[in-house]
Amino acid sequence: MPEYMPDFAQWSLDTIRDEDGALSWLEEQRFNWATTTSSALLHILEGKTIILITDEKRKWFEKYIISTINNDKIERPILPIVSVYSLYPHYNNINGGEMIDILDNMISLSYKDDYIFWYVGSGDDKRSDIAKRRDSSYFWIFDEDFHNSFKLNSYDSHLDIKLLQLYKLFNSSLNAAMFGEVDVNS
């Protein structure tokens, strides 16, 4: 373990700058990134399960995350991450607060409240509603300011590329946090 562990905001800035300009768009948003992501990383380090939810347009991204975050080439412990759709395949048919309450109760019973939601997608998509009910949720949300969220613009022509870049940074952040290379508490 290094003698000096940088705080997560400084580590993020250094990592962004090491990408030879590919993440230059993120540099001015790094404090928002650091604040929201360090909180999510703390939950993950506590051993909480990640329940991933995306809007319909980002279903491809959900599949990408699920298939790569624990691939056979990782050199870290396997993370408990599941898709909300694997827990309840009829999630798209949920309408209204009562059905969300029923789903939320089932998840709480199954995971004993040791979980966080990670939502990626439009803020006005009904799929975001369940994650918005939980204070510990982690968001990569589009076109909306929300508690504990990293905001992106849905009309950005480079949105998909930015999502993949963010995921790469998130994965690097996760490794650094798990191996004690960065202080996510600061």
N, C-alpha and C. Protein backbone atom coordinates (compact mmCIF):
# COMPACT_ATOMS: atom_id res chain seq x y z
N MET A 1 0.84 -1.18 0.00
CA MET A 1 0.00 0.00 0.00
C MET A 1 0.89 1.25 0.00
N PRO A 2 0.56 2.24 -0.81
CA PRO A 2 1.40 3.43 -0.86
C PRO A 2 1.38 4.20 0.46
N GLU A 3 2.49 4.91 0.74
CA GLU A 3 2.55 5.72 1.96
C GLU A 3 1.52 6.83 1.91
N TYR A 4 1.38 7.43 0.76
CA TYR A 4 0.42 8.51 0.57
C TYR A 4 -0.69 8.02 -0.33
N MET A 5 -1.91 8.08 0.16
CA MET A 5 -3.05 7.71 -0.67
C MET A 5 -3.78 8.99 -1.08
N PRO A 6 -3.85 9.25 -2.37
CA PRO A 6 -4.56 10.46 -2.80
C PRO A 6 -6.05 10.35 -2.51
N ASP A 7 -6.67 11.51 -2.31
CA ASP A 7 -8.13 11.47 -2.17
C ASP A 7 -8.73 11.16 -3.53
N PHE A 8 -9.98 10.77 -3.52
CA PHE A 8 -10.61 10.28 -4.74
C PHE A 8 -10.72 11.37 -5.81
N ALA A 9 -10.98 12.60 -5.41
CA ALA A 9 -11.09 13.69 -6.41
C ALA A 9 -9.76 13.90 -7.12
N GLN A 10 -8.65 13.91 -6.37
CA GLN A 10 -7.34 14.10 -6.98
C GLN A 10 -6.97 12.90 -7.84
N TRP A 11 -7.24 11.70 -7.34
CA TRP A 11 -6.96 10.49 -8.11
C TRP A 11 -7.75 10.50 -9.42
N SER A 12 -9.03 10.90 -9.35
CA SER A 12 -9.87 10.97 -10.55
C SER A 12 -9.29 11.95 -11.56
N LEU A 13 -8.88 13.13 -11.09
CA LEU A 13 -8.28 14.13 -11.98
C LEU A 13 -7.03 13.58 -12.65
N ASP A 14 -6.16 12.95 -11.87
CA ASP A 14 -4.93 12.38 -12.44
C ASP A 14 -5.25 11.30 -13.47
N THR A 15 -6.23 10.47 -13.17
CA THR A 15 -6.61 9.39 -14.09
C THR A 15 -7.23 9.95 -15.36
N ILE A 16 -8.08 10.97 -15.22
CA ILE A 16 -8.69 11.62 -16.38
C ILE A 16 -7.60 12.21 -17.28
N ARG A 17 -6.63 12.87 -16.67
CA ARG A 17 -5.56 13.50 -17.45
C ARG A 17 -4.63 12.47 -18.09
N ASP A 18 -4.52 11.30 -17.50
CA ASP A 18 -3.67 10.24 -18.06
C ASP A 18 -4.25 9.63 -19.33
N GLU A 19 -5.49 9.95 -19.64
CA GLU A 19 -6.15 9.37 -20.81
C GLU A 19 -5.89 10.15 -22.09
N ASP A 20 -4.88 10.99 -22.12
CA ASP A 20 -4.48 11.74 -23.31
C ASP A 20 -5.62 12.49 -23.99
N GLY A 21 -6.43 13.13 -23.21
CA GLY A 21 -7.50 13.95 -23.76
C GLY A 21 -8.81 13.24 -24.02
N ALA A 22 -8.84 11.92 -23.96
CA ALA A 22 -10.08 11.19 -24.24
C ALA A 22 -11.18 11.54 -23.24
N LEU A 23 -10.78 11.90 -22.03
CA LEU A 23 -11.76 12.23 -20.99
C LEU A 23 -11.77 13.72 -20.65
N SER A 24 -11.27 14.54 -21.54
CA SER A 24 -11.20 15.97 -21.25
C SER A 24 -12.57 16.56 -20.94
N TRP A 25 -13.62 16.02 -21.54
CA TRP A 25 -14.99 16.48 -21.27
C TRP A 25 -15.36 16.27 -19.80
N LEU A 26 -14.72 15.33 -19.14
CA LEU A 26 -15.06 14.98 -17.76
C LEU A 26 -14.30 15.82 -16.74
N GLU A 27 -13.22 16.45 -17.16
CA GLU A 27 -12.39 17.17 -16.20
C GLU A 27 -13.17 18.24 -15.43
N GLU A 28 -14.00 19.00 -16.10
CA GLU A 28 -14.74 20.05 -15.38
C GLU A 28 -15.87 19.49 -14.52
N GLN A 29 -16.23 18.26 -14.73
CA GLN A 29 -17.29 17.63 -13.93
C GLN A 29 -16.71 16.66 -12.89
N ARG A 30 -15.42 16.67 -12.70
CA ARG A 30 -14.77 15.65 -11.87
C ARG A 30 -15.22 15.68 -10.42
N PHE A 31 -15.56 16.85 -9.88
CA PHE A 31 -15.99 16.90 -8.48
C PHE A 31 -17.34 16.21 -8.31
N ASN A 32 -18.23 16.42 -9.25
CA ASN A 32 -19.52 15.73 -9.21
C ASN A 32 -19.30 14.22 -9.36
N TRP A 33 -18.41 13.84 -10.30
CA TRP A 33 -18.06 12.44 -10.48
C TRP A 33 -17.50 11.85 -9.17
N ALA A 34 -16.54 12.57 -8.59
CA ALA A 34 -15.87 12.06 -7.39
C ALA A 34 -16.83 11.92 -6.22
N THR A 35 -17.70 12.88 -6.04
CA THR A 35 -18.64 12.83 -4.92
C THR A 35 -19.60 11.65 -5.05
N THR A 36 -20.21 11.51 -6.20
CA THR A 36 -21.21 10.45 -6.37
C THR A 36 -20.56 9.07 -6.43
N THR A 37 -19.43 8.97 -7.10
CA THR A 37 -18.80 7.66 -7.28
C THR A 37 -18.13 7.18 -6.00
N SER A 38 -17.52 8.07 -5.24
CA SER A 38 -16.89 7.63 -3.99
C SER A 38 -17.94 7.06 -3.04
N SER A 39 -19.11 7.65 -3.01
CA SER A 39 -20.19 7.13 -2.18
C SER A 39 -20.59 5.71 -2.62
N ALA A 40 -20.73 5.52 -3.92
CA ALA A 40 -21.07 4.18 -4.44
C ALA A 40 -19.95 3.19 -4.13
N LEU A 41 -18.71 3.60 -4.28
CA LEU A 41 -17.59 2.71 -4.00
C LEU A 41 -17.55 2.30 -2.54
N LEU A 42 -17.87 3.22 -1.65
CA LEU A 42 -17.93 2.87 -0.22
C LEU A 42 -18.96 1.78 0.04
N HIS A 43 -20.12 1.89 -0.59
CA HIS A 43 -21.15 0.85 -0.44
C HIS A 43 -20.66 -0.49 -0.98
N ILE A 44 -19.97 -0.44 -2.10
CA ILE A 44 -19.46 -1.68 -2.70
C ILE A 44 -18.40 -2.30 -1.80
N LEU A 45 -17.51 -1.47 -1.24
CA LEU A 45 -16.48 -1.97 -0.34
C LEU A 45 -17.07 -2.56 0.93
N GLU A 46 -18.27 -2.10 1.31
CA GLU A 46 -18.97 -2.66 2.47
C GLU A 46 -19.62 -4.01 2.14
N GLY A 47 -19.53 -4.42 0.87
CA GLY A 47 -20.07 -5.72 0.48
C GLY A 47 -21.51 -5.70 0.01
N LYS A 48 -22.03 -4.53 -0.29
CA LYS A 48 -23.42 -4.45 -0.75
C LYS A 48 -23.55 -4.92 -2.19
N THR A 49 -24.67 -5.52 -2.49
CA THR A 49 -24.98 -5.95 -3.85
C THR A 49 -25.38 -4.74 -4.68
N ILE A 50 -24.97 -4.73 -5.93
CA ILE A 50 -25.35 -3.68 -6.88
C ILE A 50 -26.50 -4.23 -7.72
N ILE A 51 -27.61 -3.53 -7.72
CA ILE A 51 -28.74 -3.89 -8.58
C ILE A 51 -28.79 -2.85 -9.69
N LEU A 52 -28.47 -3.30 -10.88
CA LEU A 52 -28.33 -2.41 -12.03
C LEU A 52 -29.66 -2.25 -12.75
N ILE A 53 -30.01 -1.00 -13.02
CA ILE A 53 -31.23 -0.66 -13.76
C ILE A 53 -30.84 0.32 -14.85
N THR A 54 -31.35 0.09 -16.05
CA THR A 54 -31.14 1.06 -17.13
C THR A 54 -32.49 1.36 -17.78
N ASP A 55 -32.53 2.48 -18.48
CA ASP A 55 -33.72 2.71 -19.29
C ASP A 55 -33.64 1.79 -20.51
N GLU A 56 -34.70 1.74 -21.28
CA GLU A 56 -34.77 0.79 -22.40
C GLU A 56 -33.68 1.04 -23.45
N LYS A 57 -33.38 2.30 -23.71
CA LYS A 57 -32.37 2.62 -24.71
C LYS A 57 -30.97 2.19 -24.29
N ARG A 58 -30.74 2.03 -23.01
CA ARG A 58 -29.41 1.64 -22.50
C ARG A 58 -29.37 0.17 -22.08
N LYS A 59 -30.31 -0.62 -22.56
CA LYS A 59 -30.30 -2.05 -22.27
C LYS A 59 -28.99 -2.68 -22.73
N TRP A 60 -28.44 -2.23 -23.84
CA TRP A 60 -27.15 -2.73 -24.34
C TRP A 60 -26.04 -2.48 -23.32
N PHE A 61 -26.12 -1.33 -22.66
CA PHE A 61 -25.09 -0.95 -21.69
C PHE A 61 -25.19 -1.82 -20.44
N GLU A 62 -26.40 -2.11 -20.04
CA GLU A 62 -26.61 -3.02 -18.91
C GLU A 62 -25.96 -4.37 -19.20
N LYS A 63 -26.22 -4.91 -20.37
CA LYS A 63 -25.63 -6.20 -20.76
C LYS A 63 -24.11 -6.12 -20.78
N TYR A 64 -23.60 -5.01 -21.27
CA TYR A 64 -22.15 -4.81 -21.31
C TYR A 64 -21.56 -4.82 -19.90
N ILE A 65 -22.14 -4.06 -18.99
CA ILE A 65 -21.64 -3.99 -17.62
C ILE A 65 -21.70 -5.37 -16.97
N ILE A 66 -22.84 -6.03 -17.05
CA ILE A 66 -23.01 -7.34 -16.42
C ILE A 66 -22.00 -8.35 -16.97
N SER A 67 -21.73 -8.28 -18.27
CA SER A 67 -20.83 -9.27 -18.87
C SER A 67 -19.35 -8.94 -18.68
N THR A 68 -19.01 -7.71 -18.33
CA THR A 68 -17.59 -7.36 -18.23
C THR A 68 -17.09 -7.08 -16.82
N ILE A 69 -17.94 -6.67 -15.92
CA ILE A 69 -17.47 -6.25 -14.60
C ILE A 69 -16.82 -7.39 -13.82
N ASN A 70 -17.27 -8.60 -14.06
CA ASN A 70 -16.71 -9.77 -13.40
C ASN A 70 -16.13 -10.76 -14.40
N ASN A 71 -15.54 -10.26 -15.47
CA ASN A 71 -15.02 -11.18 -16.49
C ASN A 71 -13.89 -12.04 -15.93
N ASP A 72 -13.52 -13.05 -16.66
CA ASP A 72 -12.54 -14.02 -16.16
C ASP A 72 -11.11 -13.49 -16.15
N LYS A 73 -10.89 -12.29 -16.61
CA LYS A 73 -9.54 -11.72 -16.62
C LYS A 73 -9.32 -10.69 -15.49
N ILE A 74 -10.33 -10.48 -14.67
CA ILE A 74 -10.18 -9.52 -13.58
C ILE A 74 -9.25 -10.09 -12.52
N GLU A 75 -8.58 -9.21 -11.86
CA GLU A 75 -7.68 -9.61 -10.79
C GLU A 75 -8.13 -8.96 -9.49
N ARG A 76 -9.40 -9.11 -9.21
CA ARG A 76 -9.99 -8.59 -7.97
C ARG A 76 -11.11 -9.53 -7.58
N PRO A 77 -11.62 -9.38 -6.38
CA PRO A 77 -12.76 -10.22 -5.99
C PRO A 77 -13.96 -9.98 -6.91
N ILE A 78 -14.74 -11.00 -7.10
CA ILE A 78 -15.95 -10.89 -7.92
C ILE A 78 -16.98 -10.07 -7.14
N LEU A 79 -17.61 -9.15 -7.85
CA LEU A 79 -18.60 -8.27 -7.23
C LEU A 79 -20.00 -8.84 -7.35
N PRO A 80 -20.79 -8.66 -6.31
CA PRO A 80 -22.20 -9.06 -6.42
C PRO A 80 -22.98 -7.99 -7.18
N ILE A 81 -23.27 -8.25 -8.43
CA ILE A 81 -24.03 -7.32 -9.26
C ILE A 81 -25.06 -8.11 -10.05
N VAL A 82 -26.28 -7.61 -10.05
CA VAL A 82 -27.37 -8.25 -10.79
C VAL A 82 -28.19 -7.19 -11.49
N SER A 83 -28.87 -7.60 -12.50
CA SER A 83 -29.80 -6.72 -13.21
C SER A 83 -31.16 -6.82 -12.54
N VAL A 84 -31.86 -5.71 -12.44
CA VAL A 84 -33.20 -5.75 -11.87
C VAL A 84 -34.09 -6.69 -12.69
N TYR A 85 -33.81 -6.79 -13.98
CA TYR A 85 -34.60 -7.65 -14.85
C TYR A 85 -34.39 -9.12 -14.52
N SER A 86 -33.22 -9.47 -14.02
CA SER A 86 -32.99 -10.87 -13.61
C SER A 86 -33.74 -11.18 -12.31
N LEU A 87 -34.01 -10.16 -11.52
CA LEU A 87 -34.76 -10.36 -10.28
C LEU A 87 -36.26 -10.40 -10.52
N TYR A 88 -36.71 -9.59 -11.47
CA TYR A 88 -38.13 -9.51 -11.77
C TYR A 88 -38.29 -9.19 -13.26
N PRO A 89 -38.40 -10.24 -14.09
CA PRO A 89 -38.44 -10.04 -15.55
C PRO A 89 -39.60 -9.19 -16.06
N HIS A 90 -40.61 -8.98 -15.24
CA HIS A 90 -41.78 -8.19 -15.65
C HIS A 90 -41.66 -6.73 -15.20
N TYR A 91 -40.44 -6.31 -14.92
CA TYR A 91 -40.21 -4.97 -14.41
C TYR A 91 -40.79 -3.89 -15.33
N ASN A 92 -40.75 -4.10 -16.61
CA ASN A 92 -41.28 -3.11 -17.56
C ASN A 92 -42.77 -2.89 -17.41
N ASN A 93 -43.48 -3.84 -16.81
CA ASN A 93 -44.93 -3.73 -16.65
C ASN A 93 -45.35 -3.05 -15.36
N ILE A 94 -44.40 -2.65 -14.55
CA ILE A 94 -44.73 -1.98 -13.29
C ILE A 94 -45.25 -0.59 -13.59
N ASN A 95 -46.41 -0.31 -13.06
CA ASN A 95 -47.01 1.01 -13.19
C ASN A 95 -47.50 1.44 -11.82
N GLY A 96 -47.03 2.57 -11.37
CA GLY A 96 -47.53 3.13 -10.14
C GLY A 96 -46.75 2.73 -8.90
N GLY A 97 -46.99 3.52 -7.85
CA GLY A 97 -46.26 3.37 -6.60
C GLY A 97 -46.48 2.06 -5.88
N GLU A 98 -47.70 1.52 -5.94
CA GLU A 98 -47.98 0.28 -5.22
C GLU A 98 -47.17 -0.88 -5.77
N MET A 99 -47.07 -0.99 -7.08
CA MET A 99 -46.26 -2.06 -7.68
C MET A 99 -44.77 -1.86 -7.39
N ILE A 100 -44.32 -0.62 -7.36
CA ILE A 100 -42.92 -0.35 -7.01
C ILE A 100 -42.68 -0.75 -5.56
N ASP A 101 -43.66 -0.47 -4.68
CA ASP A 101 -43.53 -0.87 -3.28
C ASP A 101 -43.40 -2.38 -3.15
N ILE A 102 -44.19 -3.12 -3.91
CA ILE A 102 -44.14 -4.58 -3.85
C ILE A 102 -42.77 -5.08 -4.31
N LEU A 103 -42.27 -4.54 -5.41
CA LEU A 103 -40.95 -4.93 -5.90
C LEU A 103 -39.87 -4.54 -4.90
N ASP A 104 -39.95 -3.34 -4.37
CA ASP A 104 -38.97 -2.87 -3.40
C ASP A 104 -38.96 -3.77 -2.16
N ASN A 105 -40.14 -4.19 -1.71
CA ASN A 105 -40.23 -5.09 -0.55
C ASN A 105 -39.57 -6.43 -0.85
N MET A 106 -39.80 -6.96 -2.04
CA MET A 106 -39.20 -8.23 -2.42
C MET A 106 -37.68 -8.12 -2.44
N ILE A 107 -37.16 -7.04 -2.99
CA ILE A 107 -35.71 -6.84 -3.04
C ILE A 107 -35.15 -6.67 -1.63
N SER A 108 -35.82 -5.89 -0.80
CA SER A 108 -35.36 -5.68 0.57
C SER A 108 -35.34 -6.99 1.36
N LEU A 109 -36.34 -7.82 1.18
CA LEU A 109 -36.36 -9.12 1.85
C LEU A 109 -35.24 -10.02 1.34
N SER A 110 -35.01 -9.99 0.05
CA SER A 110 -33.99 -10.86 -0.55
C SER A 110 -32.57 -10.44 -0.17
N TYR A 111 -32.32 -9.14 -0.09
CA TYR A 111 -30.96 -8.65 0.12
C TYR A 111 -30.76 -8.01 1.49
N LYS A 112 -31.73 -8.11 2.37
CA LYS A 112 -31.62 -7.60 3.74
C LYS A 112 -31.11 -6.16 3.80
N ASP A 113 -31.53 -5.37 2.85
CA ASP A 113 -31.13 -3.96 2.75
C ASP A 113 -29.63 -3.75 2.51
N ASP A 114 -28.91 -4.81 2.16
CA ASP A 114 -27.48 -4.69 1.83
C ASP A 114 -27.30 -4.59 0.32
N TYR A 115 -27.87 -3.56 -0.27
CA TYR A 115 -27.79 -3.36 -1.71
C TYR A 115 -27.91 -1.88 -2.04
N ILE A 116 -27.45 -1.56 -3.24
CA ILE A 116 -27.67 -0.23 -3.79
C ILE A 116 -28.18 -0.41 -5.22
N PHE A 117 -28.94 0.55 -5.67
CA PHE A 117 -29.34 0.59 -7.07
C PHE A 117 -28.33 1.45 -7.82
N TRP A 118 -27.99 1.00 -9.01
CA TRP A 118 -27.18 1.80 -9.94
C TRP A 118 -28.06 1.99 -11.16
N TYR A 119 -28.50 3.22 -11.35
CA TYR A 119 -29.39 3.53 -12.47
C TYR A 119 -28.64 4.31 -13.53
N VAL A 120 -28.80 3.88 -14.79
CA VAL A 120 -28.22 4.58 -15.94
C VAL A 120 -29.35 4.83 -16.92
N GLY A 121 -29.66 6.10 -17.17
CA GLY A 121 -30.69 6.40 -18.14
C GLY A 121 -31.38 7.73 -17.90
N SER A 122 -32.46 7.90 -18.61
CA SER A 122 -33.24 9.13 -18.55
C SER A 122 -33.92 9.28 -17.19
N GLY A 123 -33.89 10.48 -16.68
CA GLY A 123 -34.50 10.76 -15.39
C GLY A 123 -36.01 10.64 -15.39
N ASP A 124 -36.64 10.78 -16.56
CA ASP A 124 -38.10 10.70 -16.59
C ASP A 124 -38.60 9.31 -16.98
N ASP A 125 -37.70 8.35 -17.12
CA ASP A 125 -38.10 6.97 -17.41
C ASP A 125 -38.65 6.33 -16.13
N LYS A 126 -39.73 5.59 -16.26
CA LYS A 126 -40.35 4.97 -15.07
C LYS A 126 -39.41 4.01 -14.37
N ARG A 127 -38.41 3.49 -15.08
CA ARG A 127 -37.46 2.56 -14.47
C ARG A 127 -36.60 3.26 -13.40
N SER A 128 -36.48 4.57 -13.49
CA SER A 128 -35.70 5.30 -12.50
C SER A 128 -36.43 5.45 -11.17
N ASP A 129 -37.76 5.26 -11.18
CA ASP A 129 -38.55 5.53 -9.99
C ASP A 129 -38.17 4.70 -8.78
N ILE A 130 -37.88 3.43 -8.98
CA ILE A 130 -37.52 2.60 -7.82
C ILE A 130 -36.18 3.04 -7.23
N ALA A 131 -35.22 3.35 -8.07
CA ALA A 131 -33.91 3.80 -7.58
C ALA A 131 -34.03 5.15 -6.88
N LYS A 132 -34.92 5.99 -7.36
CA LYS A 132 -35.08 7.32 -6.76
C LYS A 132 -35.64 7.25 -5.34
N ARG A 133 -36.23 6.16 -4.98
CA ARG A 133 -36.79 6.01 -3.63
C ARG A 133 -35.73 5.68 -2.58
N ARG A 134 -34.56 5.31 -3.01
CA ARG A 134 -33.52 4.86 -2.08
C ARG A 134 -32.37 5.88 -2.07
N ASP A 135 -32.07 6.44 -0.91
CA ASP A 135 -31.04 7.47 -0.79
C ASP A 135 -29.66 7.01 -1.21
N SER A 136 -29.37 5.74 -1.05
CA SER A 136 -28.04 5.23 -1.37
C SER A 136 -27.84 4.93 -2.86
N SER A 137 -28.85 5.13 -3.67
CA SER A 137 -28.75 4.82 -5.10
C SER A 137 -27.69 5.67 -5.78
N TYR A 138 -27.12 5.10 -6.82
CA TYR A 138 -26.07 5.73 -7.62
C TYR A 138 -26.65 5.93 -9.01
N PHE A 139 -26.51 7.14 -9.54
CA PHE A 139 -27.14 7.48 -10.82
C PHE A 139 -26.15 8.03 -11.83
N TRP A 140 -26.29 7.55 -13.05
CA TRP A 140 -25.76 8.23 -14.22
C TRP A 140 -27.03 8.62 -14.96
N ILE A 141 -27.51 9.79 -14.68
CA ILE A 141 -28.86 10.18 -15.11
C ILE A 141 -28.79 11.25 -16.19
N PHE A 142 -29.76 11.23 -17.07
CA PHE A 142 -29.76 12.15 -18.21
C PHE A 142 -30.80 13.24 -18.01
N ASP A 143 -30.37 14.47 -18.27
CA ASP A 143 -31.26 15.63 -18.35
C ASP A 143 -31.96 15.97 -17.04
N GLU A 144 -31.40 15.57 -15.92
CA GLU A 144 -32.06 15.84 -14.65
C GLU A 144 -31.01 15.91 -13.55
N ASP A 145 -31.18 16.87 -12.65
CA ASP A 145 -30.36 16.92 -11.45
C ASP A 145 -31.08 16.13 -10.38
N PHE A 146 -30.37 15.19 -9.80
CA PHE A 146 -30.97 14.36 -8.76
C PHE A 146 -29.90 14.04 -7.73
N HIS A 147 -30.32 13.84 -6.49
CA HIS A 147 -29.43 13.49 -5.39
C HIS A 147 -28.53 12.32 -5.78
N ASN A 148 -27.25 12.44 -5.50
CA ASN A 148 -26.27 11.37 -5.73
C ASN A 148 -26.20 10.94 -7.19
N SER A 149 -26.26 11.92 -8.08
CA SER A 149 -26.26 11.57 -9.50
C SER A 149 -25.14 12.27 -10.25
N PHE A 150 -24.70 11.60 -11.27
CA PHE A 150 -23.80 12.18 -12.25
C PHE A 150 -24.65 12.45 -13.48
N LYS A 151 -24.75 13.72 -13.85
CA LYS A 151 -25.67 14.13 -14.92
C LYS A 151 -24.99 14.12 -16.28
N LEU A 152 -25.71 13.57 -17.24
CA LEU A 152 -25.30 13.57 -18.64
C LEU A 152 -26.46 14.12 -19.47
N ASN A 153 -26.19 14.45 -20.72
CA ASN A 153 -27.22 14.97 -21.61
C ASN A 153 -27.62 13.91 -22.63
N SER A 154 -28.90 13.61 -22.70
CA SER A 154 -29.38 12.57 -23.61
C SER A 154 -29.20 12.96 -25.07
N TYR A 155 -29.15 14.25 -25.35
CA TYR A 155 -29.03 14.71 -26.73
C TYR A 155 -27.57 14.81 -27.18
N ASP A 156 -26.62 14.43 -26.32
CA ASP A 156 -25.21 14.45 -26.66
C ASP A 156 -24.94 13.37 -27.72
N SER A 157 -24.41 13.76 -28.86
CA SER A 157 -24.17 12.81 -29.95
C SER A 157 -23.07 11.80 -29.59
N HIS A 158 -22.32 12.06 -28.53
CA HIS A 158 -21.27 11.14 -28.09
C HIS A 158 -21.64 10.42 -26.80
N LEU A 159 -22.92 10.37 -26.48
CA LEU A 159 -23.36 9.80 -25.20
C LEU A 159 -22.89 8.36 -25.01
N ASP A 160 -23.05 7.52 -26.00
CA ASP A 160 -22.66 6.12 -25.85
C ASP A 160 -21.17 5.99 -25.60
N ILE A 161 -20.38 6.78 -26.28
CA ILE A 161 -18.93 6.76 -26.07
C ILE A 161 -18.61 7.22 -24.65
N LYS A 162 -19.28 8.26 -24.21
CA LYS A 162 -19.05 8.77 -22.86
C LYS A 162 -19.44 7.74 -21.80
N LEU A 163 -20.53 7.01 -22.02
CA LEU A 163 -20.91 5.96 -21.08
C LEU A 163 -19.82 4.89 -20.98
N LEU A 164 -19.28 4.50 -22.11
CA LEU A 164 -18.20 3.50 -22.09
C LEU A 164 -16.95 4.05 -21.41
N GLN A 165 -16.65 5.32 -21.63
CA GLN A 165 -15.51 5.94 -20.97
C GLN A 165 -15.73 6.02 -19.46
N LEU A 166 -16.95 6.39 -19.06
CA LEU A 166 -17.27 6.45 -17.64
C LEU A 166 -17.16 5.08 -16.99
N TYR A 167 -17.63 4.07 -17.71
CA TYR A 167 -17.54 2.71 -17.17
C TYR A 167 -16.08 2.29 -16.99
N LYS A 168 -15.23 2.63 -17.95
CA LYS A 168 -13.81 2.31 -17.82
C LYS A 168 -13.22 3.02 -16.60
N LEU A 169 -13.57 4.28 -16.41
CA LEU A 169 -13.10 5.03 -15.24
C LEU A 169 -13.67 4.44 -13.96
N PHE A 170 -14.93 4.05 -13.98
CA PHE A 170 -15.54 3.44 -12.81
C PHE A 170 -14.82 2.14 -12.45
N ASN A 171 -14.54 1.33 -13.45
CA ASN A 171 -13.85 0.07 -13.22
C ASN A 171 -12.45 0.30 -12.65
N SER A 172 -11.74 1.28 -13.18
CA SER A 172 -10.42 1.64 -12.65
C SER A 172 -10.54 2.17 -11.22
N SER A 173 -11.57 2.95 -10.97
CA SER A 173 -11.81 3.49 -9.63
C SER A 173 -12.08 2.36 -8.65
N LEU A 174 -12.85 1.40 -9.08
CA LEU A 174 -13.17 0.24 -8.25
C LEU A 174 -11.90 -0.53 -7.89
N ASN A 175 -11.06 -0.77 -8.87
CA ASN A 175 -9.79 -1.45 -8.61
C ASN A 175 -8.93 -0.66 -7.62
N ALA A 176 -8.80 0.64 -7.85
CA ALA A 176 -7.98 1.47 -6.98
C ALA A 176 -8.52 1.48 -5.56
N ALA A 177 -9.83 1.53 -5.41
CA ALA A 177 -10.43 1.53 -4.07
C ALA A 177 -10.24 0.18 -3.38
N MET A 178 -10.43 -0.89 -4.12
CA MET A 178 -10.31 -2.23 -3.53
C MET A 178 -8.87 -2.56 -3.13
N PHE A 179 -7.91 -2.02 -3.86
CA PHE A 179 -6.51 -2.33 -3.57
C PHE A 179 -5.81 -1.25 -2.76
N GLY A 180 -6.58 -0.32 -2.19
CA GLY A 180 -6.02 0.68 -1.30
C GLY A 180 -5.12 1.70 -1.96
N GLU A 181 -5.37 1.99 -3.24
CA GLU A 181 -4.55 2.98 -3.95
C GLU A 181 -5.14 4.38 -3.89
N VAL A 182 -6.36 4.48 -3.38
CA VAL A 182 -7.03 5.76 -3.30
C VAL A 182 -7.93 5.77 -2.07
N ASP A 183 -8.07 6.94 -1.48
CA ASP A 183 -8.93 7.09 -0.31
C ASP A 183 -10.30 7.57 -0.77
N VAL A 184 -11.29 6.69 -0.77
CA VAL A 184 -12.62 7.08 -1.19
C VAL A 184 -13.45 7.69 -0.07
N ASN A 185 -12.88 7.76 1.12
CA ASN A 185 -13.56 8.39 2.26
C ASN A 185 -13.40 9.90 2.26
N SER A 186 -12.48 10.43 1.45
CA SER A 186 -12.22 11.87 1.49
C SER A 186 -12.77 12.57 0.27
